[in-house]
Amino acid sequence: MYIIGENIHIISPKVRQAVAERDAKFFQDMAVRLVEAGADAIDLNIGPQKKRGHEILPWLVEVVEKVVDVPLVFDTTNLTAIEAACETVTKAQPIINSTDARAERLQTVPAVAKKFNTRLVALTMAEGMIPVGADERVGIALEKLIPHMLEIDFPISDLIIDPLVLTVSGLQEYCPECIEAVRTLKFAWDPPPLTNGGLSNVSNQVPSALRPLLNRTYMVMLMGAGVDMVIADPLDSELMEWIRIVEERDESTPLHKLLLKLHDRIEAMEELQPEDVDMSDPQQADVWKTVQALLNKVIYTDSYLRI
């Protein structure tokens, strides 16, 4: 599993302060920690930054490249900032995050990605609201995103389709549809584009105590559907452990066996069954309840684990 470290994000007060103070050591220490924890790439999310993005993002690139060699992800809607970062990067092939199928973005962002030979995340979002259904999301990829990339001769091998992970809190019906979109995209084109998900989005607006279990469980489910990469928190050691359990097929504990069963059920287009779970084991029971919420089988509430 290819992990893009999500932790350098302008929404964090510490990151905001470090940007304002141009605290290079803060970002270098964070970058090293992320790579040591298992990040394959590092997301540099500076938000829109309409006024100073063209200064901030290339500065971050220079600072972070001094201490790590992994690809950097330019995560902003400020295209001028992205171009400045592309001109600055000297190491691994970067990733632009992101374009979507709206005309303004589709006509501009992929052209920049091609010009600078970057990889490109493309969201399955067009004009209007994000579609709920997996078929609609895949349709945007097949009818708008991929055809445009072919039209401009952008390598499909550098295209990363993101069918949009959304929160279980208030947008619960989107959660199983995203899983199905990932699955379908693996068969939608030859060769298929890579797929990506912003993992932590699934637990947005959820009490902090519940977020890790939701993220980890959804991670296993997305892996079952065949996702190639996620933007996630590699400093969550338990998340990284659950990924390892699936990848290495580690059946050494009852919980491990359940996680593998969950992965395999999703891979086989099936659902986890009550007989797969030892409900007397609190950990297993919590995973079961979380899966039911993520599959939209029970209504998510902040007290769902106590029901």
C-alpha atoms as a PDB file:
ATOM      1  CA  MET A   1       0.000   0.000   0.000  1.00  0.00           C
ATOM      2  CA  TYR A   2       1.355   3.386  -1.062  1.00  0.00           C
ATOM      3  CA  ILE A   3       0.953   5.844   1.811  1.00  0.00           C
ATOM      4  CA  ILE A   4       0.918   9.601   1.270  1.00  0.00           C
ATOM      5  CA  GLY A   5       1.550  11.259   4.625  1.00  0.00           C
ATOM      6  CA  GLU A   6      -1.252  13.733   5.323  1.00  0.00           C
ATOM      7  CA  ASN A   7       0.238  15.535   8.312  1.00  0.00           C
ATOM      8  CA  ILE A   8       1.546  18.735   6.703  1.00  0.00           C
ATOM      9  CA  HIS A   9      -1.885  20.270   6.352  1.00  0.00           C
ATOM     10  CA  ILE A  10      -2.717  23.946   6.741  1.00  0.00           C
ATOM     11  CA  ILE A  11      -5.806  23.076   8.783  1.00  0.00           C
ATOM     12  CA  SER A  12      -3.455  22.227  11.669  1.00  0.00           C
ATOM     13  CA  PRO A  13      -2.751  25.268  13.889  1.00  0.00           C
ATOM     14  CA  LYS A  14       0.860  24.112  14.324  1.00  0.00           C
ATOM     15  CA  VAL A  15       1.350  23.883  10.574  1.00  0.00           C
ATOM     16  CA  ARG A  16      -0.248  27.298  10.073  1.00  0.00           C
ATOM     17  CA  GLN A  17       2.050  28.829  12.646  1.00  0.00           C
ATOM     18  CA  ALA A  18       5.127  27.127  11.177  1.00  0.00           C
ATOM     19  CA  VAL A  19       4.220  28.429   7.720  1.00  0.00           C
ATOM     20  CA  ALA A  20       3.736  31.955   9.046  1.00  0.00           C
ATOM     21  CA  GLU A  21       7.080  31.841  10.864  1.00  0.00           C
ATOM     22  CA  ARG A  22       8.883  30.017   8.040  1.00  0.00           C
ATOM     23  CA  ASP A  23       9.965  27.412  10.574  1.00  0.00           C
ATOM     24  CA  ALA A  24      12.019  25.100   8.369  1.00  0.00           C
ATOM     25  CA  LYS A  25      12.985  22.784  11.229  1.00  0.00           C
ATOM     26  CA  PHE A  26       9.336  22.044  12.042  1.00  0.00           C
ATOM     27  CA  PHE A  27       8.692  20.801   8.513  1.00  0.00           C
ATOM     28  CA  GLN A  28      11.967  18.929   8.228  1.00  0.00           C
ATOM     29  CA  ASP A  29      11.398  17.115  11.516  1.00  0.00           C
ATOM     30  CA  MET A  30       7.863  16.237  10.436  1.00  0.00           C
ATOM     31  CA  ALA A  31       8.993  14.996   7.021  1.00  0.00           C
ATOM     32  CA  VAL A  32      11.633  12.727   8.549  1.00  0.00           C
ATOM     33  CA  ARG A  33       9.148  11.344  11.064  1.00  0.00           C
ATOM     34  CA  LEU A  34       6.630  10.602   8.319  1.00  0.00           C
ATOM     35  CA  VAL A  35       9.129   8.745   6.156  1.00  0.00           C
ATOM     36  CA  GLU A  36      10.492   6.803   9.112  1.00  0.00           C
ATOM     37  CA  ALA A  37       6.906   5.791   9.978  1.00  0.00           C
ATOM     38  CA  GLY A  38       6.348   4.415   6.477  1.00  0.00           C
ATOM     39  CA  ALA A  39       5.167   7.274   4.255  1.00  0.00           C
ATOM     40  CA  ASP A  40       5.959   6.706   0.576  1.00  0.00           C
ATOM     41  CA  ALA A  41       5.192  10.342  -0.282  1.00  0.00           C
ATOM     42  CA  ILE A  42       4.405  13.539   1.625  1.00  0.00           C
ATOM     43  CA  ASP A  43       1.379  15.721   1.012  1.00  0.00           C
ATOM     44  CA  LEU A  44       2.029  19.469   1.213  1.00  0.00           C
ATOM     45  CA  ASN A  45      -1.446  20.875   1.741  1.00  0.00           C
ATOM     46  CA  ILE A  46      -1.323  24.669   1.908  1.00  0.00           C
ATOM     47  CA  GLY A  47      -5.003  25.300   1.183  1.00  0.00           C
ATOM     48  CA  PRO A  48      -5.985  27.941  -1.403  1.00  0.00           C
ATOM     49  CA  GLN A  49      -3.296  30.444  -0.302  1.00  0.00           C
ATOM     50  CA  LYS A  50      -4.387  32.853  -3.011  1.00  0.00           C
ATOM     51  CA  LYS A  51      -1.959  35.627  -2.051  1.00  0.00           C
ATOM     52  CA  ARG A  52       1.248  33.857  -1.019  1.00  0.00           C
ATOM     53  CA  GLY A  53       0.921  30.310  -2.298  1.00  0.00           C
ATOM     54  CA  HIS A  54       3.482  30.883  -5.050  1.00  0.00           C
ATOM     55  CA  GLU A  55       6.007  31.689  -2.312  1.00  0.00           C
ATOM     56  CA  ILE A  56       4.989  29.183   0.358  1.00  0.00           C
ATOM     57  CA  LEU A  57       4.802  25.977  -1.675  1.00  0.00           C
ATOM     58  CA  PRO A  58       8.207  26.207  -3.390  1.00  0.00           C
ATOM     59  CA  TRP A  59       9.738  27.183  -0.042  1.00  0.00           C
ATOM     60  CA  LEU A  60       8.244  24.029   1.494  1.00  0.00           C
ATOM     61  CA  VAL A  61       9.604  21.954  -1.379  1.00  0.00           C
ATOM     62  CA  GLU A  62      13.119  23.280  -0.837  1.00  0.00           C
ATOM     63  CA  VAL A  63      12.924  22.748   2.915  1.00  0.00           C
ATOM     64  CA  VAL A  64      11.530  19.210   2.794  1.00  0.00           C
ATOM     65  CA  GLU A  65      13.774  18.017  -0.056  1.00  0.00           C
ATOM     66  CA  LYS A  66      16.819  18.772   2.084  1.00  0.00           C
ATOM     67  CA  VAL A  67      15.947  15.904   4.426  1.00  0.00           C
ATOM     68  CA  VAL A  68      13.895  13.319   2.461  1.00  0.00           C
ATOM     69  CA  ASP A  69      13.903  11.871  -1.051  1.00  0.00           C
ATOM     70  CA  VAL A  70      10.268  10.706  -1.374  1.00  0.00           C
ATOM     71  CA  PRO A  71       7.793  12.240  -3.851  1.00  0.00           C
ATOM     72  CA  LEU A  72       6.027  15.403  -2.740  1.00  0.00           C
ATOM     73  CA  VAL A  73       2.331  16.049  -3.338  1.00  0.00           C
ATOM     74  CA  PHE A  74       1.305  19.598  -4.207  1.00  0.00           C
ATOM     75  CA  ASP A  75      -2.103  19.926  -2.591  1.00  0.00           C
ATOM     76  CA  THR A  76      -3.683  23.302  -3.330  1.00  0.00           C
ATOM     77  CA  THR A  77      -6.179  24.880  -5.699  1.00  0.00           C
ATOM     78  CA  ASN A  78      -3.644  27.635  -6.426  1.00  0.00           C
ATOM     79  CA  LEU A  79      -2.281  26.673  -9.833  1.00  0.00           C
ATOM     80  CA  THR A  80       0.384  29.387  -9.754  1.00  0.00           C
ATOM     81  CA  ALA A  81       1.705  27.858  -6.533  1.00  0.00           C
ATOM     82  CA  ILE A  82       1.730  24.407  -8.121  1.00  0.00           C
ATOM     83  CA  GLU A  83       3.690  25.663 -11.126  1.00  0.00           C
ATOM     84  CA  ALA A  84       6.224  27.351  -8.836  1.00  0.00           C
ATOM     85  CA  ALA A  85       6.612  24.109  -6.864  1.00  0.00           C
ATOM     86  CA  CYS A  86       7.055  22.094 -10.056  1.00  0.00           C
ATOM     87  CA  GLU A  87       9.838  24.447 -11.101  1.00  0.00           C
ATOM     88  CA  THR A  88      11.502  24.009  -7.696  1.00  0.00           C
ATOM     89  CA  VAL A  89      11.383  20.251  -7.126  1.00  0.00           C
ATOM     90  CA  THR A  90      14.650  18.423  -7.855  1.00  0.00           C
ATOM     91  CA  LYS A  91      14.185  14.867  -6.601  1.00  0.00           C
ATOM     92  CA  ALA A  92      11.337  12.384  -7.125  1.00  0.00           C
ATOM     93  CA  GLN A  93       8.490  12.808  -9.610  1.00  0.00           C
ATOM     94  CA  PRO A  94       5.881  14.909  -7.749  1.00  0.00           C
ATOM     95  CA  ILE A  95       2.109  14.488  -7.642  1.00  0.00           C
ATOM     96  CA  ILE A  96      -0.412  17.273  -8.229  1.00  0.00           C
ATOM     97  CA  ASN A  97      -3.512  17.037  -6.057  1.00  0.00           C
ATOM     98  CA  SER A  98      -5.788  17.685  -7.833  1.00  0.00           C
ATOM     99  CA  THR A  99      -7.963  18.194 -10.855  1.00  0.00           C
ATOM    100  CA  ASP A 100     -11.597  17.202 -11.290  1.00  0.00           C
ATOM    101  CA  ALA A 101     -14.023  17.106 -14.204  1.00  0.00           C
ATOM    102  CA  ARG A 102     -15.227  20.694 -13.934  1.00  0.00           C
ATOM    103  CA  ALA A 103     -14.349  22.492 -17.151  1.00  0.00           C
ATOM    104  CA  GLU A 104     -12.140  25.152 -15.591  1.00  0.00           C
ATOM    105  CA  ARG A 105      -9.983  22.654 -13.698  1.00  0.00           C
ATOM    106  CA  LEU A 106      -9.889  20.057 -16.446  1.00  0.00           C
ATOM    107  CA  GLN A 107      -8.665  22.564 -19.007  1.00  0.00           C
ATOM    108  CA  THR A 108      -5.841  23.876 -16.830  1.00  0.00           C
ATOM    109  CA  VAL A 109      -4.469  21.457 -14.221  1.00  0.00           C
ATOM    110  CA  PRO A 110      -3.741  18.437 -16.472  1.00  0.00           C
ATOM    111  CA  ALA A 111      -1.856  20.701 -18.867  1.00  0.00           C
ATOM    112  CA  VAL A 112       0.425  21.761 -16.020  1.00  0.00           C
ATOM    113  CA  ALA A 113       0.904  18.138 -14.956  1.00  0.00           C
ATOM    114  CA  LYS A 114       1.909  17.196 -18.482  1.00  0.00           C
ATOM    115  CA  LYS A 115       4.224  20.188 -18.861  1.00  0.00           C
ATOM    116  CA  PHE A 116       6.157  19.289 -15.724  1.00  0.00           C
ATOM    117  CA  ASN A 117       5.894  15.489 -16.031  1.00  0.00           C
ATOM    118  CA  THR A 118       4.080  14.986 -12.729  1.00  0.00           C
ATOM    119  CA  ARG A 119       1.561  12.415 -11.646  1.00  0.00           C
ATOM    120  CA  LEU A 120      -1.963  13.745 -11.233  1.00  0.00           C
ATOM    121  CA  VAL A 121      -4.827  13.009  -8.846  1.00  0.00           C
ATOM    122  CA  ALA A 122      -8.215  13.413 -10.543  1.00  0.00           C
ATOM    123  CA  LEU A 123     -11.365  13.585  -8.432  1.00  0.00           C
ATOM    124  CA  THR A 124     -14.614  12.069  -9.696  1.00  0.00           C
ATOM    125  CA  MET A 125     -16.469  15.343  -9.330  1.00  0.00           C
ATOM    126  CA  ALA A 126     -18.080  17.396 -12.080  1.00  0.00           C
ATOM    127  CA  GLU A 127     -20.370  20.416 -12.052  1.00  0.00           C
ATOM    128  CA  GLY A 128     -22.806  20.405  -9.151  1.00  0.00           C
ATOM    129  CA  MET A 129     -22.787  18.025  -6.196  1.00  0.00           C
ATOM    130  CA  ILE A 130     -20.532  15.012  -5.762  1.00  0.00           C
ATOM    131  CA  PRO A 131     -22.419  11.986  -7.101  1.00  0.00           C
ATOM    132  CA  VAL A 132     -23.476   9.402  -4.537  1.00  0.00           C
ATOM    133  CA  GLY A 133     -23.508   6.283  -6.703  1.00  0.00           C
ATOM    134  CA  ALA A 134     -20.416   4.300  -7.657  1.00  0.00           C
ATOM    135  CA  ASP A 135     -21.570   4.092 -11.277  1.00  0.00           C
ATOM    136  CA  GLU A 136     -21.848   7.879 -11.501  1.00  0.00           C
ATOM    137  CA  ARG A 137     -18.366   8.358 -10.120  1.00  0.00           C
ATOM    138  CA  VAL A 138     -16.896   5.773 -12.469  1.00  0.00           C
ATOM    139  CA  GLY A 139     -18.832   7.418 -15.307  1.00  0.00           C
ATOM    140  CA  ILE A 140     -17.099  10.728 -14.652  1.00  0.00           C
ATOM    141  CA  ALA A 141     -13.744   8.956 -14.841  1.00  0.00           C
ATOM    142  CA  LEU A 142     -14.608   7.120 -18.064  1.00  0.00           C
ATOM    143  CA  GLU A 143     -16.500   9.877 -19.854  1.00  0.00           C
ATOM    144  CA  LYS A 144     -14.613  12.999 -18.787  1.00  0.00           C
ATOM    145  CA  LEU A 145     -11.341  12.469 -16.950  1.00  0.00           C
ATOM    146  CA  ILE A 146      -9.670   9.681 -18.922  1.00  0.00           C
ATOM    147  CA  PRO A 147     -10.799  10.931 -22.372  1.00  0.00           C
ATOM    148  CA  HIS A 148      -9.312  14.355 -21.644  1.00  0.00           C
ATOM    149  CA  MET A 149      -6.024  12.794 -20.537  1.00  0.00           C
ATOM    150  CA  LEU A 150      -5.885  10.797 -23.755  1.00  0.00           C
ATOM    151  CA  GLU A 151      -6.707  13.912 -25.756  1.00  0.00           C
ATOM    152  CA  ILE A 152      -3.687  15.763 -24.344  1.00  0.00           C
ATOM    153  CA  ASP A 153      -1.496  12.642 -24.459  1.00  0.00           C
ATOM    154  CA  PHE A 154      -1.119  12.452 -20.688  1.00  0.00           C
ATOM    155  CA  PRO A 155       0.172   9.014 -19.592  1.00  0.00           C
ATOM    156  CA  ILE A 156      -2.593   6.964 -17.975  1.00  0.00           C
ATOM    157  CA  SER A 157       0.141   5.369 -15.866  1.00  0.00           C
ATOM    158  CA  ASP A 158       0.584   8.766 -14.176  1.00  0.00           C
ATOM    159  CA  LEU A 159      -3.158   9.286 -13.605  1.00  0.00           C
ATOM    160  CA  ILE A 160      -4.593   8.609 -10.142  1.00  0.00           C
ATOM    161  CA  ILE A 161      -8.389   8.496  -9.904  1.00  0.00           C
ATOM    162  CA  ASP A 162      -9.840   9.507  -6.544  1.00  0.00           C
ATOM    163  CA  PRO A 163     -13.531   8.549  -6.139  1.00  0.00           C
ATOM    164  CA  LEU A 164     -13.809  10.740  -3.036  1.00  0.00           C
ATOM    165  CA  VAL A 165     -13.949   9.364   0.474  1.00  0.00           C
ATOM    166  CA  LEU A 166     -16.572  11.313   2.415  1.00  0.00           C
ATOM    167  CA  THR A 167     -17.533  11.305   6.059  1.00  0.00           C
ATOM    168  CA  VAL A 168     -19.698   8.656   7.649  1.00  0.00           C
ATOM    169  CA  SER A 169     -21.208  11.447   9.731  1.00  0.00           C
ATOM    170  CA  GLY A 170     -23.995  12.886   7.606  1.00  0.00           C
ATOM    171  CA  LEU A 171     -22.879  11.375   4.291  1.00  0.00           C
ATOM    172  CA  GLN A 172     -23.023   7.744   5.320  1.00  0.00           C
ATOM    173  CA  GLU A 173     -24.499   6.525   2.046  1.00  0.00           C
ATOM    174  CA  TYR A 174     -21.359   7.636   0.223  1.00  0.00           C
ATOM    175  CA  CYS A 175     -19.086   5.249   2.141  1.00  0.00           C
ATOM    176  CA  PRO A 176     -20.001   1.902   0.513  1.00  0.00           C
ATOM    177  CA  GLU A 177     -20.348   3.596  -2.883  1.00  0.00           C
ATOM    178  CA  CYS A 178     -16.757   4.815  -2.725  1.00  0.00           C
ATOM    179  CA  ILE A 179     -15.609   1.254  -2.045  1.00  0.00           C
ATOM    180  CA  GLU A 180     -17.557   0.014  -5.064  1.00  0.00           C
ATOM    181  CA  ALA A 181     -16.160   2.813  -7.222  1.00  0.00           C
ATOM    182  CA  VAL A 182     -12.606   1.782  -6.339  1.00  0.00           C
ATOM    183  CA  ARG A 183     -13.445  -1.821  -7.221  1.00  0.00           C
ATOM    184  CA  THR A 184     -15.043  -0.931 -10.555  1.00  0.00           C
ATOM    185  CA  LEU A 185     -12.250   1.417 -11.607  1.00  0.00           C
ATOM    186  CA  LYS A 186      -9.825  -1.511 -11.497  1.00  0.00           C
ATOM    187  CA  PHE A 187     -11.706  -2.995 -14.455  1.00  0.00           C
ATOM    188  CA  ALA A 188     -12.853   0.163 -16.201  1.00  0.00           C
ATOM    189  CA  TRP A 189      -9.860   0.772 -18.447  1.00  0.00           C
ATOM    190  CA  ASP A 190      -6.905  -1.125 -19.862  1.00  0.00           C
ATOM    191  CA  PRO A 191      -4.499  -0.459 -18.331  1.00  0.00           C
ATOM    192  CA  PRO A 192      -6.483   0.713 -15.308  1.00  0.00           C
ATOM    193  CA  PRO A 193      -5.535   4.005 -13.687  1.00  0.00           C
ATOM    194  CA  LEU A 194      -4.308   3.968 -10.118  1.00  0.00           C
ATOM    195  CA  THR A 195      -6.859   4.715  -7.401  1.00  0.00           C
ATOM    196  CA  ASN A 196      -6.488   6.867  -4.312  1.00  0.00           C
ATOM    197  CA  GLY A 197      -8.548   7.854  -1.293  1.00  0.00           C
ATOM    198  CA  GLY A 198      -8.280  10.517   1.379  1.00  0.00           C
ATOM    199  CA  LEU A 199      -8.685   8.016   4.200  1.00  0.00           C
ATOM    200  CA  SER A 200      -9.221  10.386   7.124  1.00  0.00           C
ATOM    201  CA  ASN A 201     -12.135  12.046   5.341  1.00  0.00           C
ATOM    202  CA  VAL A 202     -14.293   9.103   6.356  1.00  0.00           C
ATOM    203  CA  SER A 203     -14.118  10.232   9.992  1.00  0.00           C
ATOM    204  CA  ASN A 204     -14.411  13.977   9.519  1.00  0.00           C
ATOM    205  CA  GLN A 205     -16.810  15.622  12.009  1.00  0.00           C
ATOM    206  CA  VAL A 206     -16.624  12.541  14.223  1.00  0.00           C
ATOM    207  CA  PRO A 207     -15.485  12.613  17.890  1.00  0.00           C
ATOM    208  CA  SER A 208     -11.710  12.230  18.034  1.00  0.00           C
ATOM    209  CA  ALA A 209     -11.914   9.037  20.099  1.00  0.00           C
ATOM    210  CA  LEU A 210     -13.837   7.293  17.306  1.00  0.00           C
ATOM    211  CA  ARG A 211     -11.744   8.448  14.363  1.00  0.00           C
ATOM    212  CA  PRO A 212      -8.907   5.895  14.488  1.00  0.00           C
ATOM    213  CA  LEU A 213     -11.190   2.839  14.427  1.00  0.00           C
ATOM    214  CA  LEU A 214     -13.249   4.237  11.559  1.00  0.00           C
ATOM    215  CA  ASN A 215     -10.112   5.072   9.580  1.00  0.00           C
ATOM    216  CA  ARG A 216      -8.449   1.713  10.183  1.00  0.00           C
ATOM    217  CA  THR A 217     -11.543  -0.326   9.396  1.00  0.00           C
ATOM    218  CA  TYR A 218     -12.258   1.619   6.211  1.00  0.00           C
ATOM    219  CA  MET A 219      -8.616   1.141   5.235  1.00  0.00           C
ATOM    220  CA  VAL A 220      -9.006  -2.633   5.331  1.00  0.00           C
ATOM    221  CA  MET A 221     -12.221  -2.395   3.303  1.00  0.00           C
ATOM    222  CA  LEU A 222     -10.621  -0.172   0.672  1.00  0.00           C
ATOM    223  CA  MET A 223      -7.717  -2.594   0.438  1.00  0.00           C
ATOM    224  CA  GLY A 224     -10.216  -5.359  -0.214  1.00  0.00           C
ATOM    225  CA  ALA A 225     -11.621  -3.314  -3.095  1.00  0.00           C
ATOM    226  CA  GLY A 226      -8.125  -2.868  -4.533  1.00  0.00           C
ATOM    227  CA  VAL A 227      -7.184   0.729  -3.727  1.00  0.00           C
ATOM    228  CA  ASP A 228      -3.589   1.530  -4.703  1.00  0.00           C
ATOM    229  CA  MET A 229      -2.784   4.457  -2.428  1.00  0.00           C
ATOM    230  CA  VAL A 230      -4.240   6.536   0.370  1.00  0.00           C
ATOM    231  CA  ILE A 231      -3.595   9.929   1.889  1.00  0.00           C
ATOM    232  CA  ALA A 232      -3.415   8.967   5.542  1.00  0.00           C
ATOM    233  CA  ASP A 233      -1.581   9.395   8.834  1.00  0.00           C
ATOM    234  CA  PRO A 234       1.474   7.103   8.963  1.00  0.00           C
ATOM    235  CA  LEU A 235       2.064   8.251  12.545  1.00  0.00           C
ATOM    236  CA  ASP A 236      -0.999   6.179  13.480  1.00  0.00           C
ATOM    237  CA  SER A 237       1.044   3.082  14.273  1.00  0.00           C
ATOM    238  CA  GLU A 238      -2.049   0.921  14.650  1.00  0.00           C
ATOM    239  CA  LEU A 239      -3.255   1.916  11.183  1.00  0.00           C
ATOM    240  CA  MET A 240       0.122   0.934   9.756  1.00  0.00           C
ATOM    241  CA  GLU A 241      -0.074  -2.326  11.701  1.00  0.00           C
ATOM    242  CA  TRP A 242      -3.494  -3.160  10.232  1.00  0.00           C
ATOM    243  CA  ILE A 243      -2.110  -2.517   6.755  1.00  0.00           C
ATOM    244  CA  ARG A 244       0.806  -4.840   7.527  1.00  0.00           C
ATOM    245  CA  ILE A 245      -1.555  -7.539   8.816  1.00  0.00           C
ATOM    246  CA  VAL A 246      -3.457  -7.542   5.525  1.00  0.00           C
ATOM    247  CA  GLU A 247      -0.411  -7.331   3.293  1.00  0.00           C
ATOM    248  CA  GLU A 248       1.466 -10.090   5.122  1.00  0.00           C
ATOM    249  CA  ARG A 249      -1.626 -12.240   5.750  1.00  0.00           C
ATOM    250  CA  ASP A 250      -0.798 -12.356   9.461  1.00  0.00           C
ATOM    251  CA  GLU A 251      -3.328 -14.654  11.179  1.00  0.00           C
ATOM    252  CA  SER A 252      -1.531 -14.734  14.517  1.00  0.00           C
ATOM    253  CA  THR A 253      -4.439 -13.405  16.624  1.00  0.00           C
ATOM    254  CA  PRO A 254      -8.239 -13.631  16.468  1.00  0.00           C
ATOM    255  CA  LEU A 255      -8.448  -9.926  15.590  1.00  0.00           C
ATOM    256  CA  HIS A 256      -5.942 -10.405  12.775  1.00  0.00           C
ATOM    257  CA  LYS A 257      -8.046 -13.247  11.407  1.00  0.00           C
ATOM    258  CA  LEU A 258     -11.129 -11.027  11.476  1.00  0.00           C
ATOM    259  CA  LEU A 259      -9.354  -8.229   9.597  1.00  0.00           C
ATOM    260  CA  LEU A 260      -8.268 -10.693   6.929  1.00  0.00           C
ATOM    261  CA  LYS A 261     -11.803 -12.061   6.730  1.00  0.00           C
ATOM    262  CA  LEU A 262     -13.136  -8.509   6.294  1.00  0.00           C
ATOM    263  CA  HIS A 263     -10.616  -7.850   3.537  1.00  0.00           C
ATOM    264  CA  ASP A 264     -11.412 -11.111   1.795  1.00  0.00           C
ATOM    265  CA  ARG A 265     -15.175 -10.632   2.038  1.00  0.00           C
ATOM    266  CA  ILE A 266     -14.919  -7.199   0.414  1.00  0.00           C
ATOM    267  CA  GLU A 267     -12.558  -8.565  -2.229  1.00  0.00           C
ATOM    268  CA  ALA A 268     -15.106 -11.260  -3.055  1.00  0.00           C
ATOM    269  CA  MET A 269     -17.918  -8.669  -3.242  1.00  0.00           C
ATOM    270  CA  GLU A 270     -19.433 -10.086  -0.073  1.00  0.00           C
ATOM    271  CA  GLU A 271     -20.267  -8.685   3.355  1.00  0.00           C
ATOM    272  CA  LEU A 272     -18.804  -9.630   6.698  1.00  0.00           C
ATOM    273  CA  GLN A 273     -21.089 -12.176   8.363  1.00  0.00           C
ATOM    274  CA  PRO A 274     -22.019 -12.567  12.069  1.00  0.00           C
ATOM    275  CA  GLU A 275     -20.375 -15.981  12.110  1.00  0.00           C
ATOM    276  CA  ASP A 276     -17.088 -14.339  11.127  1.00  0.00           C
ATOM    277  CA  VAL A 277     -17.047 -12.441  14.424  1.00  0.00           C
ATOM    278  CA  ASP A 278     -16.595 -13.437  18.056  1.00  0.00           C
ATOM    279  CA  MET A 279     -18.962 -10.918  19.630  1.00  0.00           C
ATOM    280  CA  SER A 280     -17.634 -11.745  23.111  1.00  0.00           C
ATOM    281  CA  ASP A 281     -14.357 -10.113  22.081  1.00  0.00           C
ATOM    282  CA  PRO A 282     -14.800  -6.320  22.483  1.00  0.00           C
ATOM    283  CA  GLN A 283     -12.282  -5.528  19.733  1.00  0.00           C
ATOM    284  CA  GLN A 284     -14.010  -7.785  17.238  1.00  0.00           C
ATOM    285  CA  ALA A 285     -17.441  -6.483  18.237  1.00  0.00           C
ATOM    286  CA  ASP A 286     -16.278  -2.901  17.650  1.00  0.00           C
ATOM    287  CA  VAL A 287     -14.947  -3.801  14.200  1.00  0.00           C
ATOM    288  CA  TRP A 288     -18.277  -5.464  13.355  1.00  0.00           C
ATOM    289  CA  LYS A 289     -20.269  -2.407  14.435  1.00  0.00           C
ATOM    290  CA  THR A 290     -17.937  -0.123  12.499  1.00  0.00           C
ATOM    291  CA  VAL A 291     -18.287  -2.179   9.332  1.00  0.00           C
ATOM    292  CA  GLN A 292     -22.072  -2.044   9.605  1.00  0.00           C
ATOM    293  CA  ALA A 293     -21.955   1.754   9.820  1.00  0.00           C
ATOM    294  CA  LEU A 294     -19.501   2.064   6.933  1.00  0.00           C
ATOM    295  CA  LEU A 295     -21.679  -0.171   4.768  1.00  0.00           C
ATOM    296  CA  ASN A 296     -24.700   1.980   5.649  1.00  0.00           C
ATOM    297  CA  LYS A 297     -26.415  -0.994   7.262  1.00  0.00           C
ATOM    298  CA  VAL A 298     -27.078   0.830  10.528  1.00  0.00           C
ATOM    299  CA  ILE A 299     -27.462   4.551  11.088  1.00  0.00           C
ATOM    300  CA  TYR A 300     -24.224   6.130  12.251  1.00  0.00           C
ATOM    301  CA  THR A 301     -24.397   8.031  15.548  1.00  0.00           C
ATOM    302  CA  ASP A 302     -21.556   9.123  17.797  1.00  0.00           C
ATOM    303  CA  SER A 303     -22.680   6.447  20.250  1.00  0.00           C
ATOM    304  CA  TYR A 304     -22.749   3.616  17.704  1.00  0.00           C
ATOM    305  CA  LEU A 305     -20.204   1.484  19.573  1.00  0.00           C
ATOM    306  CA  ARG A 306     -22.400   1.472  22.689  1.00  0.00           C
ATOM    307  CA  ILE A 307     -25.552   0.323  20.929  1.00  0.00           C
END
